[in-house]
Amino acid sequence: MHGGILSTLIDEVCGWVVTRKLQTSGYTVQLNVKFKKAIPTTESELTIRAKVSKQVRNLVYINAEIANSKGELCNEGEAIYFLMNQEKAKEMGFIYCDVEE
């Protein structure tokens, strides 16, 4: 699978962490991806996970990973997102995102 597609998946899941877990909008400041194992385009299933590793004022650091259908770690990434304040997020169209338990 093309590295740009895999990088996009990592960036997207990190964006969802900002939206769902932090309840705001933001944008990518930096994205680093390590390609550890090739993923063929015929791969039947990917598991993509991300979590906040730290937050410093309006910057949040998010670690992400992509595993194949065998559970093997294939890609790791770290994204740094700039978090918008609630007023700016609302201007950009973000109101609220329901969070599941």
PDB file of N, CA and C in Angstrom:
ATOM      1  N   MET A   1       0.855  -1.162   0.000  1.00  0.00           N
ATOM      2  CA  MET A   1       0.000   0.000   0.000  1.00  0.00           C
ATOM      3  C   MET A   1       0.907   1.233   0.000  1.00  0.00           C
ATOM      4  N   HIS A   2       0.500   2.243  -0.712  1.00  0.00           N
ATOM      5  CA  HIS A   2       1.280   3.469  -0.845  1.00  0.00           C
ATOM      6  C   HIS A   2       1.443   4.168   0.505  1.00  0.00           C
ATOM      7  N   GLY A   3       2.645   4.641   0.776  1.00  0.00           N
ATOM      8  CA  GLY A   3       2.938   5.302   2.044  1.00  0.00           C
ATOM      9  C   GLY A   3       2.090   6.535   2.300  1.00  0.00           C
ATOM     10  N   GLY A   4       1.707   7.232   1.234  1.00  0.00           N
ATOM     11  CA  GLY A   4       0.856   8.412   1.397  1.00  0.00           C
ATOM     12  C   GLY A   4      -0.527   8.052   1.909  1.00  0.00           C
ATOM     13  N   ILE A   5      -1.043   6.919   1.465  1.00  0.00           N
ATOM     14  CA  ILE A   5      -2.347   6.454   1.941  1.00  0.00           C
ATOM     15  C   ILE A   5      -2.255   6.068   3.410  1.00  0.00           C
ATOM     16  N   LEU A   6      -1.201   5.346   3.772  1.00  0.00           N
ATOM     17  CA  LEU A   6      -1.011   4.945   5.162  1.00  0.00           C
ATOM     18  C   LEU A   6      -0.813   6.164   6.064  1.00  0.00           C
ATOM     19  N   SER A   7      -0.079   7.152   5.582  1.00  0.00           N
ATOM     20  CA  SER A   7       0.104   8.394   6.345  1.00  0.00           C
ATOM     21  C   SER A   7      -1.222   9.124   6.529  1.00  0.00           C
ATOM     22  N   THR A   8      -2.042   9.116   5.487  1.00  0.00           N
ATOM     23  CA  THR A   8      -3.361   9.745   5.571  1.00  0.00           C
ATOM     24  C   THR A   8      -4.224   9.051   6.618  1.00  0.00           C
ATOM     25  N   LEU A   9      -4.184   7.724   6.655  1.00  0.00           N
ATOM     26  CA  LEU A   9      -4.956   6.983   7.655  1.00  0.00           C
ATOM     27  C   LEU A   9      -4.513   7.351   9.069  1.00  0.00           C
ATOM     28  N   ILE A  10      -3.214   7.475   9.271  1.00  0.00           N
ATOM     29  CA  ILE A  10      -2.702   7.854  10.587  1.00  0.00           C
ATOM     30  C   ILE A  10      -3.140   9.272  10.939  1.00  0.00           C
ATOM     31  N   ASP A  11      -3.016  10.196   9.998  1.00  0.00           N
ATOM     32  CA  ASP A  11      -3.427  11.578  10.248  1.00  0.00           C
ATOM     33  C   ASP A  11      -4.926  11.655  10.534  1.00  0.00           C
ATOM     34  N   GLU A  12      -5.708  10.894   9.806  1.00  0.00           N
ATOM     35  CA  GLU A  12      -7.166  10.910   9.985  1.00  0.00           C
ATOM     36  C   GLU A  12      -7.570  10.385  11.358  1.00  0.00           C
ATOM     37  N   VAL A  13      -6.994   9.275  11.789  1.00  0.00           N
ATOM     38  CA  VAL A  13      -7.367   8.732  13.098  1.00  0.00           C
ATOM     39  C   VAL A  13      -6.932   9.693  14.212  1.00  0.00           C
ATOM     40  N   CYS A  14      -5.816  10.384  14.022  1.00  0.00           N
ATOM     41  CA  CYS A  14      -5.390  11.384  15.004  1.00  0.00           C
ATOM     42  C   CYS A  14      -6.371  12.554  15.038  1.00  0.00           C
ATOM     43  N   GLY A  15      -6.876  12.939  13.881  1.00  0.00           N
ATOM     44  CA  GLY A  15      -7.888  13.990  13.826  1.00  0.00           C
ATOM     45  C   GLY A  15      -9.151  13.599  14.565  1.00  0.00           C
ATOM     46  N   TRP A  16      -9.517  12.325  14.472  1.00  0.00           N
ATOM     47  CA  TRP A  16     -10.703  11.846  15.196  1.00  0.00           C
ATOM     48  C   TRP A  16     -10.472  11.856  16.702  1.00  0.00           C
ATOM     49  N   VAL A  17      -9.249  11.632  17.142  1.00  0.00           N
ATOM     50  CA  VAL A  17      -8.942  11.736  18.574  1.00  0.00           C
ATOM     51  C   VAL A  17      -9.206  13.167  19.041  1.00  0.00           C
ATOM     52  N   VAL A  18      -8.783  14.140  18.241  1.00  0.00           N
ATOM     53  CA  VAL A  18      -9.017  15.544  18.589  1.00  0.00           C
ATOM     54  C   VAL A  18     -10.515  15.815  18.680  1.00  0.00           C
ATOM     55  N   THR A  19     -11.265  15.360  17.683  1.00  0.00           N
ATOM     56  CA  THR A  19     -12.703  15.614  17.638  1.00  0.00           C
ATOM     57  C   THR A  19     -13.450  14.886  18.741  1.00  0.00           C
ATOM     58  N   ARG A  20     -13.214  13.594  18.865  1.00  0.00           N
ATOM     59  CA  ARG A  20     -14.005  12.777  19.799  1.00  0.00           C
ATOM     60  C   ARG A  20     -13.541  12.903  21.248  1.00  0.00           C
ATOM     61  N   LYS A  21     -12.254  12.780  21.465  1.00  0.00           N
ATOM     62  CA  LYS A  21     -11.747  12.744  22.844  1.00  0.00           C
ATOM     63  C   LYS A  21     -11.545  14.137  23.437  1.00  0.00           C
ATOM     64  N   LEU A  22     -11.104  15.080  22.609  1.00  0.00           N
ATOM     65  CA  LEU A  22     -10.804  16.412  23.121  1.00  0.00           C
ATOM     66  C   LEU A  22     -11.917  17.415  22.842  1.00  0.00           C
ATOM     67  N   GLN A  23     -12.922  16.988  22.082  1.00  0.00           N
ATOM     68  CA  GLN A  23     -14.122  17.793  21.838  1.00  0.00           C
ATOM     69  C   GLN A  23     -13.820  19.185  21.269  1.00  0.00           C
ATOM     70  N   THR A  24     -12.951  19.224  20.260  1.00  0.00           N
ATOM     71  CA  THR A  24     -12.647  20.479  19.587  1.00  0.00           C
ATOM     72  C   THR A  24     -12.165  20.187  18.174  1.00  0.00           C
ATOM     73  N   SER A  25     -11.806  21.210  17.471  1.00  0.00           N
ATOM     74  CA  SER A  25     -11.201  21.079  16.143  1.00  0.00           C
ATOM     75  C   SER A  25      -9.728  21.429  16.253  1.00  0.00           C
ATOM     76  N   GLY A  26      -8.998  21.047  15.257  1.00  0.00           N
ATOM     77  CA  GLY A  26      -7.584  21.364  15.234  1.00  0.00           C
ATOM     78  C   GLY A  26      -7.016  21.073  13.856  1.00  0.00           C
ATOM     79  N   TYR A  27      -5.728  21.276  13.725  1.00  0.00           N
ATOM     80  CA  TYR A  27      -5.089  20.938  12.459  1.00  0.00           C
ATOM     81  C   TYR A  27      -3.690  20.392  12.724  1.00  0.00           C
ATOM     82  N   THR A  28      -3.223  19.621  11.766  1.00  0.00           N
ATOM     83  CA  THR A  28      -1.933  18.962  11.882  1.00  0.00           C
ATOM     84  C   THR A  28      -0.808  19.981  11.753  1.00  0.00           C
ATOM     85  N   VAL A  29       0.085  19.974  12.729  1.00  0.00           N
ATOM     86  CA  VAL A  29       1.275  20.822  12.692  1.00  0.00           C
ATOM     87  C   VAL A  29       2.457  20.004  12.182  1.00  0.00           C
ATOM     88  N   GLN A  30       2.504  18.744  12.615  1.00  0.00           N
ATOM     89  CA  GLN A  30       3.610  17.871  12.221  1.00  0.00           C
ATOM     90  C   GLN A  30       3.111  16.432  12.198  1.00  0.00           C
ATOM     91  N   LEU A  31       3.617  15.656  11.241  1.00  0.00           N
ATOM     92  CA  LEU A  31       3.260  14.248  11.140  1.00  0.00           C
ATOM     93  C   LEU A  31       4.511  13.456  10.798  1.00  0.00           C
ATOM     94  N   ASN A  32       4.840  12.484  11.651  1.00  0.00           N
ATOM     95  CA  ASN A  32       5.977  11.594  11.420  1.00  0.00           C
ATOM     96  C   ASN A  32       5.455  10.168  11.363  1.00  0.00           C
ATOM     97  N   VAL A  33       5.841   9.452  10.322  1.00  0.00           N
ATOM     98  CA  VAL A  33       5.386   8.074  10.146  1.00  0.00           C
ATOM     99  C   VAL A  33       6.595   7.172   9.932  1.00  0.00           C
ATOM    100  N   LYS A  34       6.583   6.033  10.629  1.00  0.00           N
ATOM    101  CA  LYS A  34       7.611   5.005  10.435  1.00  0.00           C
ATOM    102  C   LYS A  34       6.951   3.806   9.783  1.00  0.00           C
ATOM    103  N   PHE A  35       7.486   3.402   8.645  1.00  0.00           N
ATOM    104  CA  PHE A  35       6.965   2.245   7.911  1.00  0.00           C
ATOM    105  C   PHE A  35       7.806   1.030   8.296  1.00  0.00           C
ATOM    106  N   LYS A  36       7.241   0.177   9.131  1.00  0.00           N
ATOM    107  CA  LYS A  36       7.979  -0.950   9.692  1.00  0.00           C
ATOM    108  C   LYS A  36       7.814  -2.241   8.894  1.00  0.00           C
ATOM    109  N   LYS A  37       6.634  -2.412   8.297  1.00  0.00           N
ATOM    110  CA  LYS A  37       6.350  -3.643   7.561  1.00  0.00           C
ATOM    111  C   LYS A  37       5.400  -3.287   6.422  1.00  0.00           C
ATOM    112  N   ALA A  38       5.695  -3.808   5.250  1.00  0.00           N
ATOM    113  CA  ALA A  38       4.858  -3.525   4.082  1.00  0.00           C
ATOM    114  C   ALA A  38       3.440  -4.064   4.283  1.00  0.00           C
ATOM    115  N   ILE A  39       2.467  -3.319   3.785  1.00  0.00           N
ATOM    116  CA  ILE A  39       1.070  -3.743   3.820  1.00  0.00           C
ATOM    117  C   ILE A  39       0.595  -3.880   2.379  1.00  0.00           C
ATOM    118  N   PRO A  40       0.282  -5.107   1.951  1.00  0.00           N
ATOM    119  CA  PRO A  40      -0.205  -5.275   0.577  1.00  0.00           C
ATOM    120  C   PRO A  40      -1.616  -4.700   0.411  1.00  0.00           C
ATOM    121  N   THR A  41      -1.952  -4.290  -0.789  1.00  0.00           N
ATOM    122  CA  THR A  41      -3.294  -3.741  -1.047  1.00  0.00           C
ATOM    123  C   THR A  41      -4.370  -4.805  -0.904  1.00  0.00           C
ATOM    124  N   THR A  42      -3.978  -6.058  -0.848  1.00  0.00           N
ATOM    125  CA  THR A  42      -4.934  -7.158  -0.680  1.00  0.00           C
ATOM    126  C   THR A  42      -5.197  -7.496   0.783  1.00  0.00           C
ATOM    127  N   GLU A  43      -4.579  -6.734   1.701  1.00  0.00           N
ATOM    128  CA  GLU A  43      -4.770  -6.992   3.135  1.00  0.00           C
ATOM    129  C   GLU A  43      -6.256  -6.921   3.468  1.00  0.00           C
ATOM    130  N   SER A  44      -6.762  -7.943   4.165  1.00  0.00           N
ATOM    131  CA  SER A  44      -8.200  -8.053   4.418  1.00  0.00           C
ATOM    132  C   SER A  44      -8.705  -7.112   5.509  1.00  0.00           C
ATOM    133  N   GLU A  45      -7.849  -6.747   6.446  1.00  0.00           N
ATOM    134  CA  GLU A  45      -8.298  -5.912   7.570  1.00  0.00           C
ATOM    135  C   GLU A  45      -7.117  -5.163   8.161  1.00  0.00           C
ATOM    136  N   LEU A  46      -7.347  -3.905   8.497  1.00  0.00           N
ATOM    137  CA  LEU A  46      -6.349  -3.109   9.211  1.00  0.00           C
ATOM    138  C   LEU A  46      -6.962  -2.618  10.511  1.00  0.00           C
ATOM    139  N   THR A  47      -6.159  -2.572  11.548  1.00  0.00           N
ATOM    140  CA  THR A  47      -6.573  -1.982  12.802  1.00  0.00           C
ATOM    141  C   THR A  47      -5.750  -0.720  12.982  1.00  0.00           C
ATOM    142  N   ILE A  48      -6.449   0.408  13.146  1.00  0.00           N
ATOM    143  CA  ILE A  48      -5.782   1.704  13.263  1.00  0.00           C
ATOM    144  C   ILE A  48      -6.192   2.302  14.603  1.00  0.00           C
ATOM    145  N   ARG A  49      -5.205   2.592  15.437  1.00  0.00           N
ATOM    146  CA  ARG A  49      -5.471   3.110  16.779  1.00  0.00           C
ATOM    147  C   ARG A  49      -4.629   4.356  17.019  1.00  0.00           C
ATOM    148  N   ALA A  50      -5.154   5.225  17.877  1.00  0.00           N
ATOM    149  CA  ALA A  50      -4.401   6.420  18.255  1.00  0.00           C
ATOM    150  C   ALA A  50      -4.788   6.844  19.663  1.00  0.00           C
ATOM    151  N   LYS A  51      -3.852   7.477  20.349  1.00  0.00           N
ATOM    152  CA  LYS A  51      -4.136   7.994  21.693  1.00  0.00           C
ATOM    153  C   LYS A  51      -3.238   9.192  21.975  1.00  0.00           C
ATOM    154  N   VAL A  52      -3.735  10.047  22.843  1.00  0.00           N
ATOM    155  CA  VAL A  52      -2.980  11.231  23.249  1.00  0.00           C
ATOM    156  C   VAL A  52      -1.809  10.790  24.122  1.00  0.00           C
ATOM    157  N   SER A  53      -0.618  11.272  23.798  1.00  0.00           N
ATOM    158  CA  SER A  53       0.539  10.965  24.642  1.00  0.00           C
ATOM    159  C   SER A  53       0.859  12.122  25.577  1.00  0.00           C
ATOM    160  N   LYS A  54       0.630  13.364  25.124  1.00  0.00           N
ATOM    161  CA  LYS A  54       0.795  14.514  26.014  1.00  0.00           C
ATOM    162  C   LYS A  54       0.145  15.740  25.379  1.00  0.00           C
ATOM    163  N   GLN A  55      -0.119  16.709  26.234  1.00  0.00           N
ATOM    164  CA  GLN A  55      -0.673  17.972  25.766  1.00  0.00           C
ATOM    165  C   GLN A  55       0.072  19.106  26.446  1.00  0.00           C
ATOM    166  N   VAL A  56       0.527  20.042  25.650  1.00  0.00           N
ATOM    167  CA  VAL A  56       1.218  21.223  26.149  1.00  0.00           C
ATOM    168  C   VAL A  56       0.471  22.432  25.601  1.00  0.00           C
ATOM    169  N   ARG A  57      -0.276  23.072  26.481  1.00  0.00           N
ATOM    170  CA  ARG A  57      -1.152  24.194  26.123  1.00  0.00           C
ATOM    171  C   ARG A  57      -2.052  23.820  24.951  1.00  0.00           C
ATOM    172  N   ASN A  58      -1.891  24.466  23.808  1.00  0.00           N
ATOM    173  CA  ASN A  58      -2.786  24.187  22.684  1.00  0.00           C
ATOM    174  C   ASN A  58      -2.183  23.218  21.669  1.00  0.00           C
ATOM    175  N   LEU A  59      -1.135  22.517  22.047  1.00  0.00           N
ATOM    176  CA  LEU A  59      -0.567  21.467  21.197  1.00  0.00           C
ATOM    177  C   LEU A  59      -0.808  20.109  21.836  1.00  0.00           C
ATOM    178  N   VAL A  60      -1.259  19.165  21.035  1.00  0.00           N
ATOM    179  CA  VAL A  60      -1.476  17.814  21.538  1.00  0.00           C
ATOM    180  C   VAL A  60      -0.649  16.848  20.693  1.00  0.00           C
ATOM    181  N   TYR A  61       0.010  15.923  21.371  1.00  0.00           N
ATOM    182  CA  TYR A  61       0.842  14.912  20.729  1.00  0.00           C
ATOM    183  C   TYR A  61       0.058  13.605  20.742  1.00  0.00           C
ATOM    184  N   ILE A  62      -0.103  13.017  19.567  1.00  0.00           N
ATOM    185  CA  ILE A  62      -0.919  11.817  19.444  1.00  0.00           C
ATOM    186  C   ILE A  62      -0.084  10.721  18.785  1.00  0.00           C
ATOM    187  N   ASN A  63      -0.039   9.554  19.423  1.00  0.00           N
ATOM    188  CA  ASN A  63       0.638   8.390  18.855  1.00  0.00           C
ATOM    189  C   ASN A  63      -0.382   7.499  18.174  1.00  0.00           C
ATOM    190  N   ALA A  64       0.000   6.974  17.023  1.00  0.00           N
ATOM    191  CA  ALA A  64      -0.905   6.117  16.260  1.00  0.00           C
ATOM    192  C   ALA A  64      -0.153   4.897  15.738  1.00  0.00           C
ATOM    193  N   GLU A  65      -0.931   3.872  15.403  1.00  0.00           N
ATOM    194  CA  GLU A  65      -0.334   2.663  14.827  1.00  0.00           C
ATOM    195  C   GLU A  65      -1.327   1.985  13.899  1.00  0.00           C
ATOM    196  N   ILE A  66      -0.767   1.284  12.939  1.00  0.00           N
ATOM    197  CA  ILE A  66      -1.566   0.473  12.023  1.00  0.00           C
ATOM    198  C   ILE A  66      -1.055  -0.959  12.118  1.00  0.00           C
ATOM    199  N   ALA A  67      -1.972  -1.887  12.360  1.00  0.00           N
ATOM    200  CA  ALA A  67      -1.642  -3.309  12.422  1.00  0.00           C
ATOM    201  C   ALA A  67      -2.397  -4.041  11.320  1.00  0.00           C
ATOM    202  N   ASN A  68      -1.805  -5.113  10.825  1.00  0.00           N
ATOM    203  CA  ASN A  68      -2.472  -5.910   9.791  1.00  0.00           C
ATOM    204  C   ASN A  68      -3.443  -6.903  10.412  1.00  0.00           C
ATOM    205  N   SER A  69      -4.044  -7.741   9.580  1.00  0.00           N
ATOM    206  CA  SER A  69      -5.066  -8.681  10.061  1.00  0.00           C
ATOM    207  C   SER A  69      -4.494  -9.747  11.007  1.00  0.00           C
ATOM    208  N   LYS A  70      -3.181  -9.910  11.006  1.00  0.00           N
ATOM    209  CA  LYS A  70      -2.539 -10.859  11.928  1.00  0.00           C
ATOM    210  C   LYS A  70      -2.160 -10.185  13.248  1.00  0.00           C
ATOM    211  N   GLY A  71      -2.439  -8.879  13.358  1.00  0.00           N
ATOM    212  CA  GLY A  71      -2.096  -8.144  14.568  1.00  0.00           C
ATOM    213  C   GLY A  71      -0.664  -7.651  14.585  1.00  0.00           C
ATOM    214  N   GLU A  72       0.045  -7.773  13.467  1.00  0.00           N
ATOM    215  CA  GLU A  72       1.436  -7.332  13.389  1.00  0.00           C
ATOM    216  C   GLU A  72       1.500  -5.820  13.195  1.00  0.00           C
ATOM    217  N   LEU A  73       2.345  -5.159  13.978  1.00  0.00           N
ATOM    218  CA  LEU A  73       2.518  -3.722  13.846  1.00  0.00           C
ATOM    219  C   LEU A  73       3.232  -3.425  12.529  1.00  0.00           C
ATOM    220  N   CYS A  74       2.596  -2.615  11.696  1.00  0.00           N
ATOM    221  CA  CYS A  74       3.156  -2.302  10.383  1.00  0.00           C
ATOM    222  C   CYS A  74       3.635  -0.854  10.275  1.00  0.00           C
ATOM    223  N   ASN A  75       2.911   0.054  10.895  1.00  0.00           N
ATOM    224  CA  ASN A  75       3.262   1.469  10.836  1.00  0.00           C
ATOM    225  C   ASN A  75       3.042   2.122  12.187  1.00  0.00           C
ATOM    226  N   GLU A  76       3.914   3.065  12.513  1.00  0.00           N
ATOM    227  CA  GLU A  76       3.764   3.884  13.714  1.00  0.00           C
ATOM    228  C   GLU A  76       3.817   5.340  13.287  1.00  0.00           C
ATOM    229  N   GLY A  77       3.080   6.168  13.992  1.00  0.00           N
ATOM    230  CA  GLY A  77       3.120   7.579  13.670  1.00  0.00           C
ATOM    231  C   GLY A  77       2.934   8.435  14.898  1.00  0.00           C
ATOM    232  N   GLU A  78       3.416   9.655  14.791  1.00  0.00           N
ATOM    233  CA  GLU A  78       3.143  10.654  15.811  1.00  0.00           C
ATOM    234  C   GLU A  78       2.704  11.913  15.097  1.00  0.00           C
ATOM    235  N   ALA A  79       1.573  12.442  15.527  1.00  0.00           N
ATOM    236  CA  ALA A  79       1.069  13.692  14.982  1.00  0.00           C
ATOM    237  C   ALA A  79       1.051  14.726  16.098  1.00  0.00           C
ATOM    238  N   ILE A  80       1.371  15.949  15.730  1.00  0.00           N
ATOM    239  CA  ILE A  80       1.209  17.074  16.640  1.00  0.00           C
ATOM    240  C   ILE A  80       0.092  17.923  16.048  1.00  0.00           C
ATOM    241  N   TYR A  81      -0.938  18.138  16.831  1.00  0.00           N
ATOM    242  CA  TYR A  81      -2.090  18.930  16.397  1.00  0.00           C
ATOM    243  C   TYR A  81      -2.159  20.225  17.191  1.00  0.00           C
ATOM    244  N   PHE A  82      -2.499  21.302  16.501  1.00  0.00           N
ATOM    245  CA  PHE A  82      -2.825  22.564  17.152  1.00  0.00           C
ATOM    246  C   PHE A  82      -4.312  22.534  17.458  1.00  0.00           C
ATOM    247  N   LEU A  83      -4.667  22.733  18.706  1.00  0.00           N
ATOM    248  CA  LEU A  83      -6.066  22.696  19.115  1.00  0.00           C
ATOM    249  C   LEU A  83      -6.669  24.094  19.078  1.00  0.00           C
ATOM    250  N   MET A  84      -7.819  24.194  18.460  1.00  0.00           N
ATOM    251  CA  MET A  84      -8.532  25.473  18.428  1.00  0.00           C
ATOM    252  C   MET A  84      -9.317  25.641  19.725  1.00  0.00           C
ATOM    253  N   ASN A  85      -9.453  26.886  20.165  1.00  0.00           N
ATOM    254  CA  ASN A  85     -10.303  27.120  21.320  1.00  0.00           C
ATOM    255  C   ASN A  85     -11.757  26.889  20.900  1.00  0.00           C
ATOM    256  N   GLN A  86     -12.641  26.767  21.867  1.00  0.00           N
ATOM    257  CA  GLN A  86     -14.038  26.410  21.578  1.00  0.00           C
ATOM    258  C   GLN A  86     -14.712  27.414  20.642  1.00  0.00           C
ATOM    259  N   GLU A  87     -14.405  28.694  20.804  1.00  0.00           N
ATOM    260  CA  GLU A  87     -15.014  29.720  19.958  1.00  0.00           C
ATOM    261  C   GLU A  87     -14.585  29.555  18.492  1.00  0.00           C
ATOM    262  N   LYS A  88     -13.296  29.365  18.267  1.00  0.00           N
ATOM    263  CA  LYS A  88     -12.784  29.182  16.901  1.00  0.00           C
ATOM    264  C   LYS A  88     -13.296  27.871  16.309  1.00  0.00           C
ATOM    265  N   ALA A  89     -13.331  26.817  17.115  1.00  0.00           N
ATOM    266  CA  ALA A  89     -13.842  25.529  16.643  1.00  0.00           C
ATOM    267  C   ALA A  89     -15.297  25.671  16.197  1.00  0.00           C
ATOM    268  N   LYS A  90     -16.076  26.429  16.950  1.00  0.00           N
ATOM    269  CA  LYS A  90     -17.478  26.651  16.590  1.00  0.00           C
ATOM    270  C   LYS A  90     -17.581  27.424  15.279  1.00  0.00           C
ATOM    271  N   GLU A  91     -16.710  28.425  15.084  1.00  0.00           N
ATOM    272  CA  GLU A  91     -16.667  29.164  13.818  1.00  0.00           C
ATOM    273  C   GLU A  91     -16.377  28.238  12.644  1.00  0.00           C
ATOM    274  N   MET A  92     -15.559  27.210  12.885  1.00  0.00           N
ATOM    275  CA  MET A  92     -15.176  26.260  11.834  1.00  0.00           C
ATOM    276  C   MET A  92     -16.221  25.162  11.645  1.00  0.00           C
ATOM    277  N   GLY A  93     -17.320  25.217  12.416  1.00  0.00           N
ATOM    278  CA  GLY A  93     -18.404  24.268  12.236  1.00  0.00           C
ATOM    279  C   GLY A  93     -18.501  23.176  13.278  1.00  0.00           C
ATOM    280  N   PHE A  94     -17.558  23.124  14.232  1.00  0.00           N
ATOM    281  CA  PHE A  94     -17.605  22.100  15.268  1.00  0.00           C
ATOM    282  C   PHE A  94     -18.499  22.572  16.407  1.00  0.00           C
ATOM    283  N   ILE A  95     -19.453  21.738  16.773  1.00  0.00           N
ATOM    284  CA  ILE A  95     -20.341  22.083  17.884  1.00  0.00           C
ATOM    285  C   ILE A  95     -20.108  21.122  19.038  1.00  0.00           C
ATOM    286  N   TYR A  96     -20.305  19.834  18.782  1.00  0.00           N
ATOM    287  CA  TYR A  96     -20.166  18.822  19.814  1.00  0.00           C
ATOM    288  C   TYR A  96     -20.143  17.471  19.127  1.00  0.00           C
ATOM    289  N   CYS A  97     -19.430  16.538  19.709  1.00  0.00           N
ATOM    290  CA  CYS A  97     -19.360  15.183  19.163  1.00  0.00           C
ATOM    291  C   CYS A  97     -19.676  14.214  20.300  1.00  0.00           C
ATOM    292  N   ASP A  98     -20.721  13.413  20.119  1.00  0.00           N
ATOM    293  CA  ASP A  98     -21.073  12.433  21.142  1.00  0.00           C
ATOM    294  C   ASP A  98     -19.925  11.469  21.373  1.00  0.00           C
ATOM    295  N   VAL A  99     -19.704  11.123  22.619  1.00  0.00           N
ATOM    296  CA  VAL A  99     -18.641  10.207  22.986  1.00  0.00           C
ATOM    297  C   VAL A  99     -19.252   8.964  23.593  1.00  0.00           C
ATOM    298  N   GLU A 100     -18.805   7.807  23.115  1.00  0.00           N
ATOM    299  CA  GLU A 100     -19.275   6.550  23.673  1.00  0.00           C
ATOM    300  C   GLU A 100     -18.470   6.212  24.908  1.00  0.00           C
ATOM    301  N   GLU A 101     -19.060   5.462  25.810  1.00  0.00           N
ATOM    302  CA  GLU A 101     -18.350   5.016  27.009  1.00  0.00           C
ATOM    303  C   GLU A 101     -17.255   4.064  26.628  1.00  0.00           C
TER     304      GLU A 101
END
